[in-house]
Amino acid sequence: MAEREPNAHQFTLDEALGADTTRFMDLGNPDYAYMFGFLQADGHLAKGAGQKGSLTVEINVRDISILREFQRLTPYNSSVTERTRSTNYAENHRSVTWTLCSLEARTKLNQLGLPYGRKSKKITPPRVEFSRRDYLRGVIDADGSVGYTGKGFPFISLTTASTAIGAYLCHYAKKITGAERIIKRNARDAIYNIVYTRETAQALSAHLYYPGCLSLERKQAAADSLTAWSRPAEMRAAYTKRRWNEREDRILLEHNNPTSAAEALGRTIQSCSLRLWRLRSGQVPMPASDK
């Protein structure tokens, strides 16, 4: 199918002049942190002859508003164009592309960690100070999903080829929710699929998609909808790992008996037996007063 003529909107030089380029991509700014995460996941930085080149982001036309925001945040000439084409998924697929050619802007993005060319496995979280939850929301908006599973459970997920990005999400989510994930590439296409469900998804999505944040409107709406879910009365309560502390270790050692210690501590006999073995065998350190 022949492509339709693109419908373009471009910032003029007059609009760009006077803008403060020194603050462009200050990742301490939540909007730029979000934008950088989105660009790392869904943007493409290409080199041309000499100093030529471009940054492009192509997404479904339904999300055009986010590219307008990127254009607004960028104090350099850039354009947003629409096109309709035939794809494997739709005969009339409408997409929208944001294009930025400024060498100065491209250099800044590259220095921050947006590689030229193929990048899916190479991207890493920024090595400068950055707004963490906004950055991760940008990555998830580009390469993740938020909503309900087929069984009606809340979920938030990320699909990525980058070990560094996958590990960072797991590290950050554990700090926010307490839920631990061990990342592993799937056998089919060597991609990481990281998924959080139920109360963990509710907590993480509420943290990332806070009121007034820059985000894809449809994913913000999906994240907001997760708050309506509550665990059915017949569903077993979510398991939360209870960590041992020094006070409990001292009580356990004083009893020196898993059965009586379990009653005193409100733990299972199996848990007390395993912990006692770990203390006695040096698998875990003795509490301070017993050293």
Protein backbone atom coordinates (compact mmCIF):
# COMPACT_ATOMS: atom_id res chain seq x y z
CA MET A 1 0.00 0.00 0.00
CA ALA A 2 1.29 3.44 -0.88
CA GLU A 3 2.06 5.70 2.07
CA ARG A 4 0.06 8.87 2.52
CA GLU A 5 1.77 12.20 2.56
CA PRO A 6 3.16 12.88 6.05
CA ASN A 7 1.41 15.49 8.14
CA ALA A 8 4.26 17.39 9.81
CA HIS A 9 4.55 19.97 12.54
CA GLN A 10 8.00 21.46 13.08
CA PHE A 11 9.32 23.90 15.66
CA THR A 12 10.86 26.89 13.92
CA LEU A 13 14.20 28.47 14.76
CA ASP A 14 12.36 31.44 16.24
CA GLU A 15 10.58 29.08 18.65
CA ALA A 16 13.83 27.41 19.61
CA LEU A 17 15.90 30.60 20.01
CA GLY A 18 16.16 31.82 23.55
CA ALA A 19 15.50 28.40 25.05
CA ASP A 20 17.95 27.28 27.74
CA THR A 21 19.86 24.44 26.10
CA THR A 22 22.14 24.02 29.14
CA ARG A 23 19.30 22.37 31.05
CA PHE A 24 18.31 20.01 28.25
CA MET A 25 18.33 16.44 29.58
CA ASP A 26 18.99 17.39 33.18
CA LEU A 27 17.97 13.99 34.52
CA GLY A 28 17.25 15.39 37.96
CA ASN A 29 14.20 16.93 36.27
CA PRO A 30 11.38 14.32 36.40
CA ASP A 31 10.20 15.11 32.85
CA TYR A 32 13.66 14.69 31.34
CA ALA A 33 14.31 11.53 33.37
CA TYR A 34 11.05 10.07 32.01
CA MET A 35 11.88 11.21 28.47
CA PHE A 36 15.35 9.67 28.61
CA GLY A 37 14.00 6.33 29.81
CA PHE A 38 11.46 6.33 26.99
CA LEU A 39 14.13 7.23 24.40
CA GLN A 40 16.48 4.50 25.61
CA ALA A 41 13.74 1.93 25.19
CA ASP A 42 11.95 3.17 22.07
CA GLY A 43 14.24 5.70 20.39
CA HIS A 44 16.79 5.17 17.61
CA LEU A 45 19.97 7.23 17.34
CA ALA A 46 21.52 7.05 13.85
CA LYS A 47 24.75 8.47 12.43
CA GLY A 48 25.02 9.93 8.95
CA ALA A 49 27.88 11.26 6.85
CA GLY A 50 30.07 13.77 8.67
CA GLN A 51 28.15 15.34 11.52
CA LYS A 52 24.78 14.32 10.15
CA GLY A 53 22.46 12.00 11.97
CA SER A 54 19.13 11.89 13.75
CA LEU A 55 17.17 10.67 16.74
CA THR A 56 13.79 9.18 15.87
CA VAL A 57 10.93 7.74 17.87
CA GLU A 58 8.06 6.05 16.00
CA ILE A 59 4.95 5.02 17.93
CA ASN A 60 1.25 4.47 17.34
CA VAL A 61 -0.62 7.66 16.46
CA ARG A 62 -2.85 7.20 19.52
CA ASP A 63 0.16 8.24 21.65
CA ILE A 64 1.05 11.36 19.65
CA SER A 65 0.60 13.60 22.70
CA ILE A 66 3.75 12.22 24.34
CA LEU A 67 5.83 13.15 21.28
CA ARG A 68 4.37 16.65 21.40
CA GLU A 69 5.60 16.82 24.99
CA PHE A 70 9.08 15.68 23.92
CA GLN A 71 9.05 18.38 21.27
CA ARG A 72 8.05 20.96 23.87
CA LEU A 73 10.84 19.85 26.22
CA THR A 74 13.50 20.01 23.49
CA PRO A 75 15.04 23.45 22.80
CA TYR A 76 16.18 22.45 19.29
CA ASN A 77 14.40 22.13 15.95
CA SER A 78 12.40 18.91 15.78
CA SER A 79 9.44 17.58 13.85
CA VAL A 80 6.48 15.28 14.37
CA THR A 81 5.16 13.52 11.27
CA GLU A 82 2.32 11.07 10.70
CA ARG A 83 2.04 8.30 8.14
CA THR A 84 -0.22 5.37 7.27
CA ARG A 85 1.23 2.11 5.98
CA SER A 86 0.55 -1.59 5.65
CA THR A 87 2.15 -3.86 8.27
CA ASN A 88 1.97 -7.50 9.31
CA TYR A 89 -0.57 -6.51 11.94
CA ALA A 90 -2.80 -4.01 10.13
CA GLU A 91 -3.45 -2.93 6.58
CA ASN A 92 -3.84 0.70 7.59
CA HIS A 93 -1.46 1.25 10.48
CA ARG A 94 -1.14 4.90 11.51
CA SER A 95 2.10 5.84 13.20
CA VAL A 96 3.73 9.08 14.28
CA THR A 97 7.47 9.86 14.33
CA TRP A 98 9.40 12.49 16.26
CA THR A 99 12.69 13.45 14.60
CA LEU A 100 15.55 15.45 16.14
CA CYS A 101 18.71 16.17 14.12
CA SER A 102 20.69 18.60 16.29
CA LEU A 103 24.27 17.38 16.77
CA GLU A 104 24.47 19.10 20.14
CA ALA A 105 21.33 17.33 21.36
CA ARG A 106 22.42 13.96 19.96
CA THR A 107 25.83 14.29 21.60
CA LYS A 108 24.23 15.01 24.96
CA LEU A 109 21.92 12.00 24.71
CA ASN A 110 24.75 9.74 23.60
CA GLN A 111 26.94 10.84 26.51
CA LEU A 112 24.12 10.06 28.94
CA GLY A 113 23.82 6.51 27.65
CA LEU A 114 21.76 6.38 24.47
CA PRO A 115 23.97 4.42 22.01
CA TYR A 116 24.05 4.87 18.26
CA GLY A 117 22.62 1.98 16.27
CA ARG A 118 21.27 -1.24 17.78
CA LYS A 119 21.03 -0.76 21.50
CA SER A 120 18.53 -3.15 23.11
CA LYS A 121 21.15 -5.16 25.04
CA LYS A 122 23.56 -2.29 25.65
CA ILE A 123 21.42 0.29 27.43
CA THR A 124 21.98 0.85 31.15
CA PRO A 125 20.54 3.21 33.77
CA PRO A 126 22.24 6.64 33.69
CA ARG A 127 25.55 7.02 35.51
CA VAL A 128 24.64 10.52 36.68
CA GLU A 129 22.08 11.55 39.29
CA PHE A 130 18.58 10.99 37.92
CA SER A 131 14.95 10.85 39.05
CA ARG A 132 14.62 7.10 39.41
CA ARG A 133 10.90 6.47 39.40
CA ASP A 134 10.37 8.84 36.47
CA TYR A 135 13.14 7.16 34.48
CA LEU A 136 11.65 3.70 35.10
CA ARG A 137 8.17 4.92 34.18
CA GLY A 138 9.59 6.07 30.84
CA VAL A 139 11.13 2.65 30.23
CA ILE A 140 7.87 0.89 31.13
CA ASP A 141 5.76 3.26 29.02
CA ALA A 142 7.93 2.36 26.03
CA ASP A 143 8.59 -1.36 26.64
CA GLY A 144 6.20 -2.45 29.37
CA SER A 145 2.54 -3.01 30.16
CA VAL A 146 0.11 -2.02 32.90
CA GLY A 147 -3.38 -3.41 33.41
CA TYR A 148 -5.23 -6.59 34.34
CA THR A 149 -4.35 -10.19 33.55
CA GLY A 150 -6.81 -12.53 31.86
CA LYS A 151 -7.85 -13.70 35.34
CA GLY A 152 -8.56 -10.14 36.45
CA PHE A 153 -5.44 -9.54 38.56
CA PRO A 154 -3.53 -6.21 38.46
CA PHE A 155 -0.12 -6.41 36.82
CA ILE A 156 2.77 -4.24 35.72
CA SER A 157 5.53 -5.67 33.56
CA LEU A 158 8.63 -4.90 31.52
CA THR A 159 10.04 -6.71 28.50
CA THR A 160 13.70 -5.89 27.87
CA ALA A 161 16.84 -7.37 26.34
CA SER A 162 19.08 -5.35 28.67
CA THR A 163 20.39 -7.16 31.73
CA ALA A 164 21.25 -3.85 33.39
CA ILE A 165 17.75 -2.41 32.95
CA GLY A 166 16.04 -5.60 34.06
CA ALA A 167 18.22 -5.91 37.15
CA TYR A 168 17.71 -2.26 38.03
CA LEU A 169 13.92 -2.55 37.89
CA CYS A 170 14.07 -5.61 40.19
CA HIS A 171 16.37 -3.78 42.62
CA TYR A 172 14.18 -0.69 42.69
CA ALA A 173 10.88 -2.58 42.94
CA LYS A 174 12.20 -4.59 45.88
CA LYS A 175 12.95 -1.36 47.75
CA ILE A 176 9.43 -0.07 47.08
CA THR A 177 7.36 -3.23 47.51
CA GLY A 178 9.59 -5.81 49.20
CA ALA A 179 8.94 -8.23 46.33
CA GLU A 180 12.05 -9.99 45.02
CA ARG A 181 12.54 -11.07 41.42
CA ILE A 182 15.43 -13.04 39.89
CA ILE A 183 15.72 -12.14 36.21
CA LYS A 184 16.23 -14.87 33.63
CA ARG A 185 16.11 -14.69 29.84
CA ASN A 186 13.31 -16.73 28.31
CA ALA A 187 14.32 -19.65 26.09
CA ARG A 188 12.38 -18.51 23.01
CA ASP A 189 13.96 -15.13 22.27
CA ALA A 190 16.46 -14.47 25.10
CA ILE A 191 14.36 -11.60 26.45
CA TYR A 192 13.65 -10.77 30.09
CA ASN A 193 9.96 -10.68 31.04
CA ILE A 194 9.62 -9.15 34.49
CA VAL A 195 6.11 -9.20 35.96
CA TYR A 196 4.57 -7.95 39.20
CA THR A 197 0.98 -8.84 40.07
CA ARG A 198 -1.78 -8.20 42.62
CA GLU A 199 -0.86 -6.01 45.64
CA THR A 200 2.74 -5.72 44.48
CA ALA A 201 1.57 -4.38 41.11
CA GLN A 202 -0.78 -1.95 42.85
CA ALA A 203 2.00 -0.58 45.06
CA LEU A 204 4.58 -0.31 42.27
CA SER A 205 2.22 1.26 39.72
CA ALA A 206 0.93 3.79 42.27
CA HIS A 207 4.51 4.77 43.04
CA LEU A 208 5.60 5.11 39.42
CA TYR A 209 2.39 6.65 38.02
CA TYR A 210 1.81 9.39 40.57
CA PRO A 211 -0.70 12.24 39.97
CA GLY A 212 0.45 14.84 37.46
CA CYS A 213 3.45 12.89 36.16
CA LEU A 214 4.45 12.84 32.50
CA SER A 215 3.28 9.53 31.01
CA LEU A 216 1.30 7.89 28.24
CA GLU A 217 -2.31 8.77 28.98
CA ARG A 218 -3.59 5.23 28.43
CA LYS A 219 -1.02 3.71 30.79
CA GLN A 220 -1.69 6.36 33.42
CA ALA A 221 -5.39 5.48 33.20
CA ALA A 222 -4.57 1.77 33.46
CA ALA A 223 -2.35 2.36 36.51
CA ASP A 224 -5.06 4.45 38.16
CA SER A 225 -7.59 1.66 37.58
CA LEU A 226 -5.51 -0.87 39.53
CA THR A 227 -6.41 0.79 42.82
CA ALA A 228 -9.97 -0.52 42.48
CA TRP A 229 -8.90 -4.16 42.87
CA SER A 230 -9.07 -5.91 46.23
CA ARG A 231 -8.11 -9.47 47.03
CA PRO A 232 -11.16 -11.77 47.07
CA ALA A 233 -12.05 -13.08 50.53
CA GLU A 234 -11.54 -16.69 49.41
CA MET A 235 -8.06 -15.99 47.99
CA ARG A 236 -5.16 -16.88 50.27
CA ALA A 237 -3.33 -13.84 51.62
CA ALA A 238 -0.16 -12.83 49.84
CA TYR A 239 2.96 -14.34 51.42
CA THR A 240 5.46 -11.87 52.83
CA LYS A 241 8.80 -13.26 53.92
CA ARG A 242 9.45 -12.55 57.60
CA ARG A 243 13.09 -11.77 58.23
CA TRP A 244 14.91 -12.82 61.38
CA ASN A 245 16.33 -10.14 63.66
CA GLU A 246 18.91 -10.25 66.46
CA ARG A 247 16.30 -10.25 69.23
CA GLU A 248 14.64 -13.34 67.74
CA ASP A 249 18.01 -15.02 67.25
CA ARG A 250 18.83 -14.51 70.94
CA ILE A 251 15.48 -16.01 72.02
CA LEU A 252 16.00 -18.97 69.70
CA LEU A 253 19.47 -19.64 71.11
CA GLU A 254 18.21 -19.32 74.68
CA HIS A 255 15.55 -21.96 74.04
CA ASN A 256 17.92 -24.10 71.98
CA ASN A 257 14.82 -26.04 71.01
CA PRO A 258 12.87 -25.43 67.78
CA THR A 259 9.55 -26.52 69.26
CA SER A 260 9.53 -24.22 72.31
CA ALA A 261 11.16 -21.38 70.35
CA ALA A 262 8.45 -21.63 67.67
CA GLU A 263 5.76 -21.11 70.31
CA ALA A 264 7.60 -18.16 71.87
CA LEU A 265 8.32 -16.46 68.56
CA GLY A 266 5.12 -17.25 66.69
CA ARG A 267 7.06 -19.03 63.97
CA THR A 268 6.95 -22.54 62.53
CA ILE A 269 9.04 -25.34 64.01
CA GLN A 270 10.64 -25.86 60.59
CA SER A 271 11.65 -22.20 60.39
CA CYS A 272 13.17 -22.27 63.88
CA SER A 273 14.98 -25.53 63.24
CA LEU A 274 16.54 -24.21 60.01
CA ARG A 275 17.54 -20.90 61.61
CA LEU A 276 19.11 -22.65 64.61
CA TRP A 277 21.16 -24.84 62.27
CA ARG A 278 22.31 -21.80 60.29
CA LEU A 279 23.39 -19.99 63.46
CA ARG A 280 25.25 -23.00 64.88
CA SER A 281 26.95 -23.83 61.59
CA GLY A 282 28.04 -20.23 60.90
CA GLN A 283 25.80 -19.85 57.84
CA VAL A 284 24.52 -16.60 59.42
CA PRO A 285 26.27 -14.45 62.07
CA MET A 286 25.49 -14.84 65.74
CA PRO A 287 23.58 -11.95 67.37
CA ALA A 288 25.86 -9.29 68.81
CA SER A 289 25.58 -10.24 72.48
CA ASP A 290 26.54 -13.85 71.77
CA LYS A 291 29.75 -13.15 69.86
